[in-house]
Amino acid sequence: MHALYDPDIWVDASTEWGIGIIIAGCWAAWHLVDGWKVDGRDISWAEAIALKLAILWLKQQKFGDAEIIIRGDNTGVIGTFNKGQSRNLQCNNSIQHITSSLIPFNLTILPIYVHSAKNQTDPKSMQQTQITSETV
């Protein structure tokens, strides 16, 4: 059985704004480039990329042999992650990459739904702080 950890991770994406993650009060945000909505990429894909970025951080921090709580407000991506598949090819590719990247670290992700109004990475919440962002 894995140990359950809650490193206070929050993820979100917005078609108008971009991708944001908050981990233990520290944040990172990226604007999506113009024209990103091609080849089936949509908000579900962007939300999956937010999850993927959080997992890259977990791997960098050398988390292992654990179940990690990650909070987000997209039920579609949470459901896709739990089922392991989506109707969207781009979202599927992201979820498959996430899943395969967890195996060597013996990590399990426990995505938890939070209402958008309570999601710390919701663009409205992030606009209340001064943000310097990058473009992806």
N, C-alpha and C. Protein backbone atom coordinates (compact mmCIF):
# COMPACT_ATOMS: atom_id res chain seq x y z
N MET A 1 0.84 -1.19 0.00
CA MET A 1 0.00 0.00 0.00
C MET A 1 0.88 1.25 0.00
N HIS A 2 0.49 2.21 -0.81
CA HIS A 2 1.21 3.47 -0.90
C HIS A 2 0.89 4.38 0.27
N ALA A 3 1.86 5.20 0.64
CA ALA A 3 1.60 6.28 1.59
C ALA A 3 0.83 7.37 0.84
N LEU A 4 -0.13 7.99 1.49
CA LEU A 4 -0.91 9.06 0.89
C LEU A 4 -0.27 10.40 1.27
N TYR A 5 0.05 11.22 0.24
CA TYR A 5 0.64 12.54 0.47
C TYR A 5 -0.24 13.60 -0.15
N ASP A 6 -0.30 14.73 0.52
CA ASP A 6 -1.00 15.90 -0.01
C ASP A 6 -0.03 17.07 -0.01
N PRO A 7 0.74 17.22 -1.11
CA PRO A 7 1.68 18.33 -1.19
C PRO A 7 1.03 19.66 -1.57
N ASP A 8 -0.30 19.74 -1.48
CA ASP A 8 -1.07 20.96 -1.74
C ASP A 8 -0.90 21.42 -3.19
N ILE A 9 -1.24 20.51 -4.13
CA ILE A 9 -1.12 20.79 -5.56
C ILE A 9 -2.50 21.13 -6.13
N TRP A 10 -2.53 22.22 -6.91
CA TRP A 10 -3.75 22.71 -7.57
C TRP A 10 -3.42 22.93 -9.04
N VAL A 11 -4.30 22.52 -9.95
CA VAL A 11 -4.07 22.70 -11.39
C VAL A 11 -5.32 23.28 -12.04
N ASP A 12 -5.11 24.03 -13.13
CA ASP A 12 -6.24 24.57 -13.89
C ASP A 12 -5.76 25.04 -15.25
N ALA A 13 -6.70 25.16 -16.17
CA ALA A 13 -6.43 25.71 -17.49
C ALA A 13 -7.63 26.52 -17.93
N SER A 14 -7.36 27.49 -18.77
CA SER A 14 -8.40 28.35 -19.30
C SER A 14 -8.09 28.62 -20.77
N THR A 15 -9.10 28.53 -21.63
CA THR A 15 -8.87 28.77 -23.05
C THR A 15 -8.46 30.22 -23.29
N GLU A 16 -8.91 31.14 -22.48
CA GLU A 16 -8.58 32.55 -22.65
C GLU A 16 -7.24 32.90 -22.02
N TRP A 17 -6.87 32.22 -20.97
CA TRP A 17 -5.70 32.64 -20.21
C TRP A 17 -4.51 31.71 -20.38
N GLY A 18 -4.68 30.44 -20.07
CA GLY A 18 -3.56 29.50 -20.18
C GLY A 18 -3.60 28.45 -19.09
N ILE A 19 -2.44 28.04 -18.63
CA ILE A 19 -2.29 26.95 -17.68
C ILE A 19 -1.64 27.48 -16.41
N GLY A 20 -2.16 27.02 -15.27
CA GLY A 20 -1.56 27.41 -14.00
C GLY A 20 -1.50 26.23 -13.05
N ILE A 21 -0.43 26.20 -12.25
CA ILE A 21 -0.32 25.22 -11.17
C ILE A 21 0.15 25.95 -9.92
N ILE A 22 -0.33 25.48 -8.79
CA ILE A 22 0.13 25.97 -7.50
C ILE A 22 0.52 24.76 -6.68
N ILE A 23 1.71 24.83 -6.10
CA ILE A 23 2.19 23.74 -5.25
C ILE A 23 2.70 24.36 -3.95
N ALA A 24 2.02 24.01 -2.86
CA ALA A 24 2.39 24.52 -1.54
C ALA A 24 2.56 26.04 -1.54
N GLY A 25 1.64 26.74 -2.19
CA GLY A 25 1.65 28.20 -2.20
C GLY A 25 2.54 28.83 -3.25
N CYS A 26 3.35 28.06 -3.96
CA CYS A 26 4.19 28.59 -5.03
C CYS A 26 3.50 28.30 -6.35
N TRP A 27 3.50 29.27 -7.26
CA TRP A 27 2.75 29.11 -8.48
C TRP A 27 3.62 29.22 -9.72
N ALA A 28 3.12 28.68 -10.80
CA ALA A 28 3.70 28.85 -12.14
C ALA A 28 2.53 28.96 -13.10
N ALA A 29 2.69 29.79 -14.13
CA ALA A 29 1.62 29.99 -15.09
C ALA A 29 2.20 30.19 -16.47
N TRP A 30 1.49 29.70 -17.47
CA TRP A 30 1.91 29.79 -18.85
C TRP A 30 0.73 30.21 -19.71
N HIS A 31 0.94 31.18 -20.58
CA HIS A 31 -0.07 31.53 -21.58
C HIS A 31 0.02 30.51 -22.71
N LEU A 32 -1.11 30.14 -23.27
CA LEU A 32 -1.13 29.28 -24.45
C LEU A 32 -0.90 30.17 -25.67
N VAL A 33 -0.12 29.68 -26.62
CA VAL A 33 0.17 30.48 -27.82
C VAL A 33 -1.06 30.55 -28.72
N ASP A 34 -1.14 31.61 -29.51
CA ASP A 34 -2.21 31.72 -30.49
C ASP A 34 -2.16 30.51 -31.41
N GLY A 35 -3.33 29.98 -31.74
CA GLY A 35 -3.41 28.84 -32.64
C GLY A 35 -3.18 27.49 -31.97
N TRP A 36 -3.20 27.43 -30.65
CA TRP A 36 -2.96 26.16 -29.95
C TRP A 36 -4.08 25.16 -30.15
N LYS A 37 -5.27 25.64 -30.50
CA LYS A 37 -6.43 24.75 -30.69
C LYS A 37 -6.41 24.14 -32.08
N VAL A 38 -5.49 23.18 -32.30
CA VAL A 38 -5.40 22.47 -33.57
C VAL A 38 -5.24 20.98 -33.29
N ASP A 39 -5.50 20.18 -34.27
CA ASP A 39 -5.31 18.72 -34.18
C ASP A 39 -6.05 18.10 -32.99
N GLY A 40 -7.22 18.64 -32.66
CA GLY A 40 -8.02 18.08 -31.58
C GLY A 40 -7.69 18.60 -30.20
N ARG A 41 -6.74 19.54 -30.10
CA ARG A 41 -6.44 20.12 -28.78
C ARG A 41 -7.59 21.03 -28.37
N ASP A 42 -8.03 20.87 -27.13
CA ASP A 42 -9.12 21.68 -26.60
C ASP A 42 -8.86 21.90 -25.12
N ILE A 43 -9.85 22.37 -24.39
CA ILE A 43 -9.67 22.66 -22.97
C ILE A 43 -9.31 21.39 -22.19
N SER A 44 -9.84 20.25 -22.58
CA SER A 44 -9.49 19.00 -21.88
C SER A 44 -8.00 18.70 -22.04
N TRP A 45 -7.47 18.93 -23.23
CA TRP A 45 -6.04 18.73 -23.45
C TRP A 45 -5.24 19.69 -22.58
N ALA A 46 -5.64 20.96 -22.53
CA ALA A 46 -4.93 21.95 -21.71
C ALA A 46 -4.98 21.58 -20.23
N GLU A 47 -6.13 21.11 -19.77
CA GLU A 47 -6.25 20.66 -18.36
C GLU A 47 -5.34 19.46 -18.10
N ALA A 48 -5.25 18.55 -19.07
CA ALA A 48 -4.37 17.39 -18.93
C ALA A 48 -2.91 17.83 -18.88
N ILE A 49 -2.56 18.85 -19.64
CA ILE A 49 -1.19 19.38 -19.62
C ILE A 49 -0.89 20.00 -18.24
N ALA A 50 -1.87 20.66 -17.65
CA ALA A 50 -1.68 21.21 -16.30
C ALA A 50 -1.37 20.07 -15.32
N LEU A 51 -2.10 18.99 -15.42
CA LEU A 51 -1.85 17.81 -14.58
C LEU A 51 -0.45 17.26 -14.85
N LYS A 52 -0.09 17.20 -16.12
CA LYS A 52 1.22 16.69 -16.51
C LYS A 52 2.35 17.55 -15.92
N LEU A 53 2.19 18.85 -15.93
CA LEU A 53 3.20 19.74 -15.36
C LEU A 53 3.36 19.51 -13.86
N ALA A 54 2.25 19.29 -13.17
CA ALA A 54 2.33 19.00 -11.73
C ALA A 54 3.08 17.69 -11.49
N ILE A 55 2.86 16.71 -12.34
CA ILE A 55 3.53 15.42 -12.19
C ILE A 55 5.02 15.54 -12.50
N LEU A 56 5.38 16.37 -13.46
CA LEU A 56 6.80 16.62 -13.72
C LEU A 56 7.47 17.19 -12.47
N TRP A 57 6.78 18.07 -11.76
CA TRP A 57 7.32 18.61 -10.52
C TRP A 57 7.50 17.50 -9.49
N LEU A 58 6.50 16.62 -9.35
CA LEU A 58 6.60 15.52 -8.38
C LEU A 58 7.82 14.64 -8.67
N LYS A 59 8.03 14.35 -9.94
CA LYS A 59 9.17 13.53 -10.32
C LYS A 59 10.49 14.25 -10.02
N GLN A 60 10.53 15.54 -10.29
CA GLN A 60 11.73 16.32 -10.01
C GLN A 60 12.04 16.34 -8.51
N GLN A 61 11.00 16.35 -7.70
CA GLN A 61 11.17 16.36 -6.24
C GLN A 61 11.44 14.96 -5.68
N LYS A 62 11.51 13.97 -6.58
CA LYS A 62 11.84 12.59 -6.24
C LYS A 62 10.81 11.91 -5.34
N PHE A 63 9.53 12.28 -5.55
CA PHE A 63 8.47 11.55 -4.87
C PHE A 63 8.46 10.13 -5.42
N GLY A 64 8.18 9.16 -4.58
CA GLY A 64 8.10 7.77 -5.02
C GLY A 64 7.35 6.94 -4.01
N ASP A 65 6.87 5.79 -4.48
CA ASP A 65 6.13 4.88 -3.61
C ASP A 65 5.03 5.60 -2.84
N ALA A 66 4.22 6.36 -3.57
CA ALA A 66 3.22 7.18 -2.89
C ALA A 66 1.99 7.39 -3.76
N GLU A 67 0.89 7.73 -3.10
CA GLU A 67 -0.32 8.20 -3.76
C GLU A 67 -0.41 9.69 -3.45
N ILE A 68 -0.52 10.51 -4.51
CA ILE A 68 -0.45 11.96 -4.37
C ILE A 68 -1.80 12.58 -4.73
N ILE A 69 -2.27 13.47 -3.87
CA ILE A 69 -3.51 14.21 -4.11
C ILE A 69 -3.19 15.42 -4.99
N ILE A 70 -3.98 15.59 -6.05
CA ILE A 70 -3.89 16.77 -6.91
C ILE A 70 -5.30 17.29 -7.11
N ARG A 71 -5.49 18.58 -6.87
CA ARG A 71 -6.82 19.20 -6.97
C ARG A 71 -6.99 19.91 -8.32
N GLY A 72 -8.19 19.78 -8.90
CA GLY A 72 -8.52 20.46 -10.14
C GLY A 72 -10.02 20.59 -10.28
N ASP A 73 -10.45 21.41 -11.24
CA ASP A 73 -11.89 21.65 -11.38
C ASP A 73 -12.47 21.13 -12.69
N ASN A 74 -11.75 20.24 -13.38
CA ASN A 74 -12.25 19.70 -14.64
C ASN A 74 -12.63 18.24 -14.44
N THR A 75 -13.93 17.98 -14.32
CA THR A 75 -14.39 16.60 -14.09
C THR A 75 -14.08 15.69 -15.26
N GLY A 76 -14.03 16.26 -16.47
CA GLY A 76 -13.71 15.46 -17.65
C GLY A 76 -12.31 14.87 -17.58
N VAL A 77 -11.34 15.68 -17.21
CA VAL A 77 -9.96 15.20 -17.12
C VAL A 77 -9.79 14.26 -15.93
N ILE A 78 -10.45 14.56 -14.82
CA ILE A 78 -10.39 13.65 -13.67
C ILE A 78 -10.97 12.30 -14.05
N GLY A 79 -12.13 12.30 -14.72
CA GLY A 79 -12.74 11.05 -15.17
C GLY A 79 -11.88 10.33 -16.18
N THR A 80 -11.29 11.08 -17.12
CA THR A 80 -10.41 10.47 -18.12
C THR A 80 -9.21 9.83 -17.45
N PHE A 81 -8.62 10.52 -16.50
CA PHE A 81 -7.46 9.96 -15.80
C PHE A 81 -7.85 8.69 -15.05
N ASN A 82 -8.98 8.73 -14.36
CA ASN A 82 -9.42 7.55 -13.60
C ASN A 82 -9.78 6.37 -14.51
N LYS A 83 -10.38 6.66 -15.69
CA LYS A 83 -10.73 5.60 -16.64
C LYS A 83 -9.53 5.17 -17.48
N GLY A 84 -8.58 6.08 -17.67
CA GLY A 84 -7.42 5.77 -18.49
C GLY A 84 -7.64 6.00 -19.97
N GLN A 85 -8.74 6.66 -20.32
CA GLN A 85 -9.00 6.92 -21.74
C GLN A 85 -9.98 8.07 -21.92
N SER A 86 -9.92 8.64 -23.12
CA SER A 86 -10.79 9.75 -23.49
C SER A 86 -11.19 9.58 -24.95
N ARG A 87 -12.21 10.27 -25.37
CA ARG A 87 -12.58 10.29 -26.79
C ARG A 87 -11.67 11.22 -27.58
N ASN A 88 -10.96 12.09 -26.87
CA ASN A 88 -10.07 13.06 -27.49
C ASN A 88 -8.66 12.47 -27.59
N LEU A 89 -8.16 12.33 -28.81
CA LEU A 89 -6.85 11.72 -29.04
C LEU A 89 -5.73 12.48 -28.32
N GLN A 90 -5.73 13.80 -28.39
CA GLN A 90 -4.68 14.59 -27.75
C GLN A 90 -4.71 14.42 -26.22
N CYS A 91 -5.89 14.41 -25.65
CA CYS A 91 -6.03 14.19 -24.21
C CYS A 91 -5.56 12.78 -23.85
N ASN A 92 -5.95 11.80 -24.67
CA ASN A 92 -5.48 10.42 -24.48
C ASN A 92 -3.96 10.35 -24.46
N ASN A 93 -3.32 10.99 -25.43
CA ASN A 93 -1.86 10.98 -25.50
C ASN A 93 -1.24 11.54 -24.22
N SER A 94 -1.81 12.64 -23.72
CA SER A 94 -1.28 13.24 -22.49
C SER A 94 -1.48 12.32 -21.29
N ILE A 95 -2.67 11.75 -21.17
CA ILE A 95 -2.95 10.85 -20.04
C ILE A 95 -2.06 9.62 -20.10
N GLN A 96 -1.86 9.07 -21.30
CA GLN A 96 -0.99 7.90 -21.44
C GLN A 96 0.45 8.25 -21.06
N HIS A 97 0.91 9.42 -21.47
CA HIS A 97 2.26 9.84 -21.11
C HIS A 97 2.39 10.02 -19.60
N ILE A 98 1.38 10.64 -18.99
CA ILE A 98 1.39 10.82 -17.54
C ILE A 98 1.47 9.47 -16.84
N THR A 99 0.60 8.56 -17.24
CA THR A 99 0.53 7.24 -16.59
C THR A 99 1.85 6.49 -16.73
N SER A 100 2.41 6.48 -17.92
CA SER A 100 3.67 5.75 -18.12
C SER A 100 4.83 6.41 -17.37
N SER A 101 4.77 7.72 -17.16
CA SER A 101 5.84 8.40 -16.43
C SER A 101 5.76 8.16 -14.92
N LEU A 102 4.59 7.73 -14.43
CA LEU A 102 4.43 7.46 -13.00
C LEU A 102 5.00 6.09 -12.60
N ILE A 103 4.98 5.15 -13.53
CA ILE A 103 5.35 3.76 -13.23
C ILE A 103 6.75 3.64 -12.63
N PRO A 104 7.80 4.24 -13.22
CA PRO A 104 9.14 4.05 -12.65
C PRO A 104 9.28 4.59 -11.22
N PHE A 105 8.41 5.51 -10.83
CA PHE A 105 8.47 6.09 -9.49
C PHE A 105 7.49 5.44 -8.53
N ASN A 106 6.72 4.48 -9.04
CA ASN A 106 5.69 3.81 -8.25
C ASN A 106 4.75 4.84 -7.61
N LEU A 107 4.32 5.78 -8.44
CA LEU A 107 3.40 6.83 -7.99
C LEU A 107 2.00 6.56 -8.49
N THR A 108 1.04 6.92 -7.68
CA THR A 108 -0.37 6.91 -8.05
C THR A 108 -0.89 8.31 -7.80
N ILE A 109 -1.71 8.79 -8.72
CA ILE A 109 -2.29 10.13 -8.57
C ILE A 109 -3.75 9.98 -8.16
N LEU A 110 -4.14 10.76 -7.17
CA LEU A 110 -5.52 10.81 -6.72
C LEU A 110 -6.06 12.20 -7.05
N PRO A 111 -6.65 12.36 -8.27
CA PRO A 111 -7.19 13.67 -8.61
C PRO A 111 -8.49 13.93 -7.84
N ILE A 112 -8.57 15.08 -7.23
CA ILE A 112 -9.73 15.47 -6.41
C ILE A 112 -10.41 16.67 -7.07
N TYR A 113 -11.73 16.58 -7.24
CA TYR A 113 -12.48 17.69 -7.82
C TYR A 113 -12.71 18.78 -6.78
N VAL A 114 -12.46 20.02 -7.19
CA VAL A 114 -12.84 21.19 -6.39
C VAL A 114 -13.62 22.13 -7.31
N HIS A 115 -14.61 22.76 -6.78
CA HIS A 115 -15.41 23.71 -7.56
C HIS A 115 -14.50 24.85 -8.02
N SER A 116 -14.75 25.35 -9.23
CA SER A 116 -13.91 26.41 -9.80
C SER A 116 -13.74 27.60 -8.86
N ALA A 117 -14.79 27.97 -8.17
CA ALA A 117 -14.72 29.12 -7.26
C ALA A 117 -13.75 28.88 -6.11
N LYS A 118 -13.46 27.63 -5.81
CA LYS A 118 -12.54 27.31 -4.71
C LYS A 118 -11.17 26.85 -5.22
N ASN A 119 -11.03 26.74 -6.55
CA ASN A 119 -9.76 26.31 -7.11
C ASN A 119 -8.77 27.47 -7.07
N GLN A 120 -7.69 27.29 -6.33
CA GLN A 120 -6.71 28.36 -6.17
C GLN A 120 -6.05 28.77 -7.49
N THR A 121 -6.05 27.89 -8.47
CA THR A 121 -5.43 28.22 -9.76
C THR A 121 -6.42 28.71 -10.79
N ASP A 122 -7.67 28.89 -10.42
CA ASP A 122 -8.64 29.45 -11.35
C ASP A 122 -8.15 30.84 -11.78
N PRO A 123 -8.26 31.17 -13.07
CA PRO A 123 -7.75 32.46 -13.55
C PRO A 123 -8.23 33.66 -12.74
N LYS A 124 -9.47 33.64 -12.27
CA LYS A 124 -9.96 34.77 -11.47
C LYS A 124 -9.20 34.86 -10.16
N SER A 125 -8.87 33.73 -9.57
CA SER A 125 -8.10 33.73 -8.33
C SER A 125 -6.68 34.20 -8.60
N MET A 126 -6.09 33.73 -9.70
CA MET A 126 -4.71 34.09 -10.02
C MET A 126 -4.59 35.55 -10.42
N GLN A 127 -5.65 36.15 -10.98
CA GLN A 127 -5.60 37.54 -11.36
C GLN A 127 -5.52 38.45 -10.14
N GLN A 128 -5.88 37.93 -8.98
CA GLN A 128 -5.84 38.73 -7.77
C GLN A 128 -4.40 38.91 -7.28
N THR A 129 -3.46 38.11 -7.80
CA THR A 129 -2.06 38.26 -7.47
C THR A 129 -1.35 38.77 -8.71
N GLN A 130 -0.22 39.40 -8.53
CA GLN A 130 0.55 39.86 -9.69
C GLN A 130 1.30 38.65 -10.24
N ILE A 131 1.10 38.38 -11.52
CA ILE A 131 1.68 37.20 -12.14
C ILE A 131 2.56 37.61 -13.31
N THR A 132 3.75 37.07 -13.33
CA THR A 132 4.61 37.14 -14.49
C THR A 132 4.55 35.77 -15.11
N SER A 133 4.18 35.68 -16.37
CA SER A 133 3.98 34.38 -16.98
C SER A 133 4.84 34.21 -18.21
N GLU A 134 4.90 32.96 -18.67
CA GLU A 134 5.61 32.62 -19.88
C GLU A 134 4.60 32.08 -20.88
N THR A 135 5.00 31.98 -22.11
CA THR A 135 4.13 31.43 -23.14
C THR A 135 4.59 30.03 -23.51
N VAL A 136 3.63 29.08 -23.60
CA VAL A 136 3.96 27.71 -24.02
C VAL A 136 3.28 27.42 -25.33
